[in-house]
């Protein structure tokens, strides 16, 4: 009976310690919860196709297909799902949902957040 009481008290202390640790662990903030949701897009900048991914600008090395079926090629050509073709000019951006905009429009609307170019 003495061993049973010792085992029971050891399990109780271990369980309470685990619960206390789990409740006091710091919560990690995500970009969305902090209101700094970065926008991903591809754009023509200085005659080269670039892409913004996770707040970082990098050269576009492969074709990208947007959620509406629009495909942006590394040469700046964009083809919509219906076959309409266009070539992007400096400052134009294609959002991941397939909507075309410009850097100026993004800056004015505040959709760039704290991103630096």
N, C-alpha and C. Protein backbone atom coordinates (compact mmCIF):
# COMPACT_ATOMS: atom_id res chain seq x y z
N UNK A 1 0.82 -1.20 0.00
CA UNK A 1 0.00 0.00 0.00
C UNK A 1 0.87 1.26 0.00
N UNK A 2 2.02 1.18 0.66
CA UNK A 2 2.93 2.31 0.74
C UNK A 2 3.47 2.66 -0.66
N UNK A 3 3.79 1.63 -1.47
CA UNK A 3 4.29 1.86 -2.82
C UNK A 3 3.21 2.48 -3.69
N UNK A 4 1.97 2.05 -3.50
CA UNK A 4 0.87 2.59 -4.28
C UNK A 4 0.67 4.08 -3.98
N UNK A 5 0.74 4.48 -2.72
CA UNK A 5 0.58 5.88 -2.34
C UNK A 5 1.73 6.72 -2.91
N UNK A 6 2.94 6.17 -2.88
CA UNK A 6 4.11 6.88 -3.43
C UNK A 6 3.95 7.07 -4.94
N UNK A 7 3.53 6.00 -5.64
CA UNK A 7 3.35 6.06 -7.09
C UNK A 7 2.25 7.06 -7.46
N UNK A 8 1.16 7.03 -6.70
CA UNK A 8 0.05 7.95 -6.95
C UNK A 8 0.47 9.40 -6.76
N UNK A 9 1.22 9.69 -5.71
CA UNK A 9 1.65 11.07 -5.47
C UNK A 9 2.67 11.51 -6.52
N UNK A 10 3.54 10.62 -6.99
CA UNK A 10 4.51 10.96 -8.03
C UNK A 10 3.80 11.29 -9.34
N UNK A 11 2.80 10.50 -9.69
CA UNK A 11 2.03 10.76 -10.91
C UNK A 11 1.25 12.06 -10.82
N UNK A 12 0.71 12.35 -9.66
CA UNK A 12 -0.04 13.58 -9.45
C UNK A 12 0.87 14.80 -9.61
N UNK A 13 2.05 14.77 -9.02
CA UNK A 13 2.99 15.90 -9.11
C UNK A 13 3.45 16.07 -10.56
N UNK A 14 3.74 14.96 -11.25
CA UNK A 14 4.16 15.03 -12.65
C UNK A 14 3.06 15.62 -13.53
N UNK A 15 1.84 15.19 -13.31
CA UNK A 15 0.71 15.69 -14.09
C UNK A 15 0.48 17.17 -13.87
N UNK A 16 0.53 17.62 -12.63
CA UNK A 16 0.33 19.04 -12.33
C UNK A 16 1.46 19.89 -12.92
N UNK A 17 2.67 19.39 -12.88
CA UNK A 17 3.81 20.13 -13.45
C UNK A 17 3.64 20.28 -14.95
N UNK A 18 3.20 19.23 -15.61
CA UNK A 18 2.99 19.27 -17.06
C UNK A 18 1.90 20.26 -17.43
N UNK A 19 0.79 20.26 -16.70
CA UNK A 19 -0.31 21.18 -16.97
C UNK A 19 0.13 22.61 -16.73
N UNK A 20 0.86 22.86 -15.65
CA UNK A 20 1.31 24.22 -15.34
C UNK A 20 2.27 24.73 -16.42
N UNK A 21 3.15 23.87 -16.90
CA UNK A 21 4.09 24.27 -17.94
C UNK A 21 3.37 24.57 -19.24
N UNK A 22 2.41 23.77 -19.60
CA UNK A 22 1.67 23.97 -20.84
C UNK A 22 0.86 25.26 -20.81
N UNK A 23 0.34 25.64 -19.66
CA UNK A 23 -0.48 26.84 -19.57
C UNK A 23 0.35 28.11 -19.56
N UNK A 24 1.61 28.04 -19.14
CA UNK A 24 2.42 29.25 -19.05
C UNK A 24 3.39 29.41 -20.22
N UNK A 25 3.38 28.48 -21.17
CA UNK A 25 4.28 28.59 -22.32
C UNK A 25 3.88 29.81 -23.14
N UNK A 26 4.87 30.60 -23.57
CA UNK A 26 4.55 31.80 -24.36
C UNK A 26 3.95 31.43 -25.71
N UNK A 27 3.01 32.21 -26.15
CA UNK A 27 2.38 31.97 -27.44
C UNK A 27 3.17 32.68 -28.53
N UNK A 28 3.34 32.00 -29.65
CA UNK A 28 4.06 32.59 -30.77
C UNK A 28 3.09 33.41 -31.60
N UNK A 29 3.48 34.64 -31.91
CA UNK A 29 2.64 35.49 -32.75
C UNK A 29 2.92 35.21 -34.20
N UNK A 30 1.88 35.16 -34.98
CA UNK A 30 2.03 34.98 -36.42
C UNK A 30 1.91 36.34 -37.09
N UNK A 31 2.33 36.41 -38.35
CA UNK A 31 2.24 37.66 -39.10
C UNK A 31 0.79 38.11 -39.19
N UNK A 32 -0.13 37.17 -39.35
CA UNK A 32 -1.54 37.53 -39.47
C UNK A 32 -2.08 38.11 -38.17
N UNK A 33 -1.71 37.51 -37.04
CA UNK A 33 -2.22 38.00 -35.77
C UNK A 33 -1.64 39.37 -35.41
N UNK A 34 -0.48 39.71 -35.96
CA UNK A 34 0.13 41.00 -35.69
C UNK A 34 -0.33 42.06 -36.68
N UNK A 35 -1.14 41.67 -37.66
CA UNK A 35 -1.63 42.64 -38.63
C UNK A 35 -0.62 42.99 -39.68
N UNK A 36 0.40 42.19 -39.87
CA UNK A 36 1.43 42.47 -40.87
C UNK A 36 1.43 41.39 -41.94
N UNK A 37 0.26 41.01 -42.38
CA UNK A 37 0.15 39.97 -43.39
C UNK A 37 0.79 40.46 -44.68
N UNK A 38 1.88 39.82 -45.09
CA UNK A 38 2.55 40.26 -46.31
C UNK A 38 1.82 39.70 -47.52
N UNK A 39 1.85 40.47 -48.58
CA UNK A 39 1.21 40.07 -49.82
C UNK A 39 2.26 39.46 -50.74
N UNK A 40 1.93 38.32 -51.34
CA UNK A 40 2.79 37.71 -52.33
C UNK A 40 2.31 38.12 -53.71
N UNK A 41 3.24 38.41 -54.59
CA UNK A 41 2.90 38.81 -55.95
C UNK A 41 4.14 38.70 -56.83
N UNK A 42 3.93 38.82 -58.13
CA UNK A 42 5.06 38.94 -59.04
C UNK A 42 4.94 40.30 -59.72
N UNK A 43 6.07 40.85 -60.13
CA UNK A 43 6.06 42.19 -60.71
C UNK A 43 7.21 42.36 -61.68
N UNK A 44 7.05 43.33 -62.56
CA UNK A 44 8.11 43.72 -63.48
C UNK A 44 8.83 44.90 -62.83
N UNK A 45 10.13 44.73 -62.62
CA UNK A 45 10.92 45.79 -62.00
C UNK A 45 12.22 45.92 -62.78
N UNK A 46 12.43 47.09 -63.35
CA UNK A 46 13.62 47.38 -64.13
C UNK A 46 13.83 46.36 -65.26
N UNK A 47 12.74 45.96 -65.89
CA UNK A 47 12.82 45.04 -67.02
C UNK A 47 13.00 43.58 -66.65
N UNK A 48 12.95 43.25 -65.36
CA UNK A 48 13.11 41.87 -64.91
C UNK A 48 11.92 41.46 -64.07
N UNK A 49 11.50 40.22 -64.23
CA UNK A 49 10.39 39.71 -63.41
C UNK A 49 10.92 39.34 -62.03
N UNK A 50 10.26 39.88 -61.03
CA UNK A 50 10.60 39.63 -59.63
C UNK A 50 9.38 39.08 -58.92
N UNK A 51 9.59 38.42 -57.79
CA UNK A 51 8.45 37.97 -57.00
C UNK A 51 8.67 38.30 -55.54
N UNK A 52 7.58 38.68 -54.91
CA UNK A 52 7.59 38.96 -53.48
C UNK A 52 7.02 37.72 -52.80
N UNK A 53 7.80 37.09 -51.96
CA UNK A 53 7.37 35.88 -51.27
C UNK A 53 7.75 36.01 -49.80
N UNK A 54 6.76 36.02 -48.94
CA UNK A 54 7.01 36.12 -47.51
C UNK A 54 7.73 37.40 -47.10
N UNK A 55 7.47 38.49 -47.84
CA UNK A 55 8.09 39.77 -47.52
C UNK A 55 9.47 39.97 -48.11
N UNK A 56 9.94 39.01 -48.91
CA UNK A 56 11.27 39.13 -49.52
C UNK A 56 11.16 39.16 -51.04
N UNK A 57 11.85 40.12 -51.65
CA UNK A 57 11.86 40.26 -53.10
C UNK A 57 12.99 39.41 -53.65
N UNK A 58 12.68 38.61 -54.68
CA UNK A 58 13.69 37.76 -55.31
C UNK A 58 13.38 37.62 -56.80
N UNK A 59 14.39 37.30 -57.61
CA UNK A 59 14.14 37.10 -59.04
C UNK A 59 13.17 35.95 -59.27
N UNK A 60 12.33 36.08 -60.26
CA UNK A 60 11.38 35.03 -60.60
C UNK A 60 12.10 34.04 -61.51
N UNK A 61 12.27 32.81 -61.05
CA UNK A 61 13.05 31.82 -61.80
C UNK A 61 12.21 30.80 -62.53
N UNK A 62 10.92 30.76 -62.24
CA UNK A 62 10.04 29.83 -62.94
C UNK A 62 8.65 30.44 -63.09
N UNK A 63 7.90 29.94 -64.05
CA UNK A 63 6.54 30.45 -64.29
C UNK A 63 5.68 30.21 -63.07
N UNK A 64 4.74 31.13 -62.83
CA UNK A 64 3.84 31.02 -61.68
C UNK A 64 2.40 31.00 -62.17
N UNK A 65 1.59 30.14 -61.57
CA UNK A 65 0.16 30.08 -61.87
C UNK A 65 -0.59 30.63 -60.68
N UNK A 66 -1.43 31.63 -60.94
CA UNK A 66 -2.20 32.29 -59.88
C UNK A 66 -3.46 31.48 -59.59
N UNK A 67 -4.15 31.83 -58.52
CA UNK A 67 -5.31 31.05 -58.09
C UNK A 67 -6.47 31.07 -59.09
N UNK A 68 -6.54 32.10 -59.95
CA UNK A 68 -7.62 32.15 -60.95
C UNK A 68 -7.23 31.47 -62.26
N UNK A 69 -6.02 30.87 -62.32
CA UNK A 69 -5.58 30.18 -63.53
C UNK A 69 -4.67 31.01 -64.41
N UNK A 70 -4.49 32.30 -64.10
CA UNK A 70 -3.58 33.15 -64.86
C UNK A 70 -2.15 32.65 -64.66
N UNK A 71 -1.39 32.59 -65.75
CA UNK A 71 0.00 32.16 -65.66
C UNK A 71 0.92 33.34 -66.00
N UNK A 72 1.88 33.61 -65.12
CA UNK A 72 2.89 34.64 -65.36
C UNK A 72 4.20 33.95 -65.68
N UNK A 73 4.79 34.34 -66.82
CA UNK A 73 6.04 33.75 -67.25
C UNK A 73 7.22 34.63 -66.83
N UNK A 74 8.39 34.04 -66.82
CA UNK A 74 9.59 34.75 -66.39
C UNK A 74 9.99 35.88 -67.34
N UNK A 75 9.44 35.89 -68.54
CA UNK A 75 9.74 36.97 -69.49
C UNK A 75 8.78 38.15 -69.37
N UNK A 76 7.81 38.08 -68.43
CA UNK A 76 6.86 39.17 -68.22
C UNK A 76 5.54 38.98 -68.93
N UNK A 77 5.39 37.90 -69.67
CA UNK A 77 4.14 37.61 -70.36
C UNK A 77 3.18 36.96 -69.38
N UNK A 78 1.93 37.41 -69.38
CA UNK A 78 0.89 36.81 -68.54
C UNK A 78 -0.23 36.32 -69.45
N UNK A 79 -0.68 35.10 -69.22
CA UNK A 79 -1.77 34.55 -70.01
C UNK A 79 -2.90 34.14 -69.07
N UNK A 80 -4.06 34.77 -69.31
CA UNK A 80 -5.23 34.44 -68.49
C UNK A 80 -5.78 33.08 -68.91
N UNK A 81 -6.63 32.54 -68.09
CA UNK A 81 -7.21 31.23 -68.34
C UNK A 81 -8.00 31.20 -69.65
N UNK A 82 -8.59 32.34 -70.02
CA UNK A 82 -9.38 32.40 -71.26
C UNK A 82 -8.51 32.59 -72.51
N UNK A 83 -7.17 32.67 -72.34
CA UNK A 83 -6.26 32.80 -73.47
C UNK A 83 -5.78 34.21 -73.74
N UNK A 84 -6.35 35.19 -73.05
CA UNK A 84 -5.92 36.58 -73.21
C UNK A 84 -4.47 36.71 -72.76
N UNK A 85 -3.65 37.34 -73.61
CA UNK A 85 -2.23 37.47 -73.33
C UNK A 85 -1.84 38.94 -73.20
N UNK A 86 -0.96 39.24 -72.26
CA UNK A 86 -0.47 40.60 -72.08
C UNK A 86 0.97 40.55 -71.62
N UNK A 87 1.68 41.62 -71.81
CA UNK A 87 3.06 41.73 -71.34
C UNK A 87 3.12 42.80 -70.27
N UNK A 88 3.68 42.47 -69.13
CA UNK A 88 3.77 43.42 -68.02
C UNK A 88 4.82 44.48 -68.32
N UNK A 89 4.54 45.70 -67.85
CA UNK A 89 5.49 46.80 -67.97
C UNK A 89 6.03 47.13 -66.58
N UNK A 90 7.10 47.92 -66.52
CA UNK A 90 7.71 48.26 -65.23
C UNK A 90 6.67 48.83 -64.27
N UNK A 91 6.67 48.29 -63.05
CA UNK A 91 5.77 48.77 -62.01
C UNK A 91 4.46 48.00 -61.92
N UNK A 92 4.14 47.17 -62.90
CA UNK A 92 2.91 46.39 -62.82
C UNK A 92 3.13 45.15 -61.96
N UNK A 93 2.09 44.79 -61.21
CA UNK A 93 2.15 43.65 -60.30
C UNK A 93 0.96 42.73 -60.57
N UNK A 94 1.20 41.45 -60.48
CA UNK A 94 0.13 40.45 -60.56
C UNK A 94 0.02 39.79 -59.19
N UNK A 95 -1.11 40.00 -58.54
CA UNK A 95 -1.34 39.42 -57.23
C UNK A 95 -1.61 37.92 -57.39
N UNK A 96 -1.50 37.17 -56.30
CA UNK A 96 -1.68 35.72 -56.37
C UNK A 96 -3.11 35.32 -56.74
N UNK A 97 -4.06 36.23 -56.60
CA UNK A 97 -5.44 35.93 -56.99
C UNK A 97 -5.69 36.24 -58.47
N UNK A 98 -4.66 36.72 -59.20
CA UNK A 98 -4.78 37.00 -60.62
C UNK A 98 -5.15 38.43 -60.96
N UNK A 99 -5.27 39.28 -59.96
CA UNK A 99 -5.62 40.69 -60.19
C UNK A 99 -4.36 41.49 -60.50
N UNK A 100 -4.44 42.32 -61.52
CA UNK A 100 -3.33 43.17 -61.92
C UNK A 100 -3.44 44.50 -61.21
N UNK A 101 -2.33 45.02 -60.74
CA UNK A 101 -2.28 46.32 -60.10
C UNK A 101 -0.91 46.94 -60.39
N UNK A 102 -0.65 48.08 -59.80
CA UNK A 102 0.66 48.73 -59.96
C UNK A 102 1.25 48.98 -58.57
N UNK A 103 2.54 49.22 -58.54
CA UNK A 103 3.19 49.54 -57.27
C UNK A 103 2.61 50.82 -56.68
N UNK A 104 2.36 51.82 -57.54
CA UNK A 104 1.79 53.08 -57.05
C UNK A 104 0.44 52.85 -56.38
N UNK A 105 -0.40 52.03 -56.99
CA UNK A 105 -1.72 51.76 -56.42
C UNK A 105 -1.59 51.02 -55.09
N UNK A 106 -0.63 50.10 -55.00
CA UNK A 106 -0.43 49.37 -53.74
C UNK A 106 0.07 50.30 -52.64
N UNK A 107 0.95 51.22 -52.99
CA UNK A 107 1.46 52.16 -52.00
C UNK A 107 0.36 53.08 -51.50
N UNK A 108 -0.47 53.58 -52.43
CA UNK A 108 -1.55 54.50 -52.06
C UNK A 108 -2.60 53.82 -51.19
N UNK A 109 -2.89 52.54 -51.47
CA UNK A 109 -3.93 51.84 -50.72
C UNK A 109 -3.42 51.31 -49.39
N UNK A 110 -2.09 51.34 -49.20
CA UNK A 110 -1.52 50.85 -47.94
C UNK A 110 -1.40 49.34 -47.88
N UNK A 111 -1.59 48.64 -49.00
CA UNK A 111 -1.54 47.19 -49.01
C UNK A 111 -0.13 46.63 -48.94
N UNK A 112 0.86 47.48 -49.07
CA UNK A 112 2.23 47.00 -48.99
C UNK A 112 2.68 46.84 -47.55
N UNK A 113 1.98 47.48 -46.62
CA UNK A 113 2.36 47.39 -45.21
C UNK A 113 3.74 47.99 -44.98
N UNK A 114 4.59 47.25 -44.29
CA UNK A 114 5.92 47.74 -43.98
C UNK A 114 6.97 47.20 -44.93
N UNK A 115 6.56 46.63 -46.06
CA UNK A 115 7.51 46.05 -46.99
C UNK A 115 8.34 47.14 -47.67
N UNK A 116 9.60 46.86 -47.84
CA UNK A 116 10.52 47.78 -48.50
C UNK A 116 10.87 47.21 -49.87
N UNK A 117 11.04 48.07 -50.82
CA UNK A 117 11.41 47.64 -52.17
C UNK A 117 12.88 47.84 -52.36
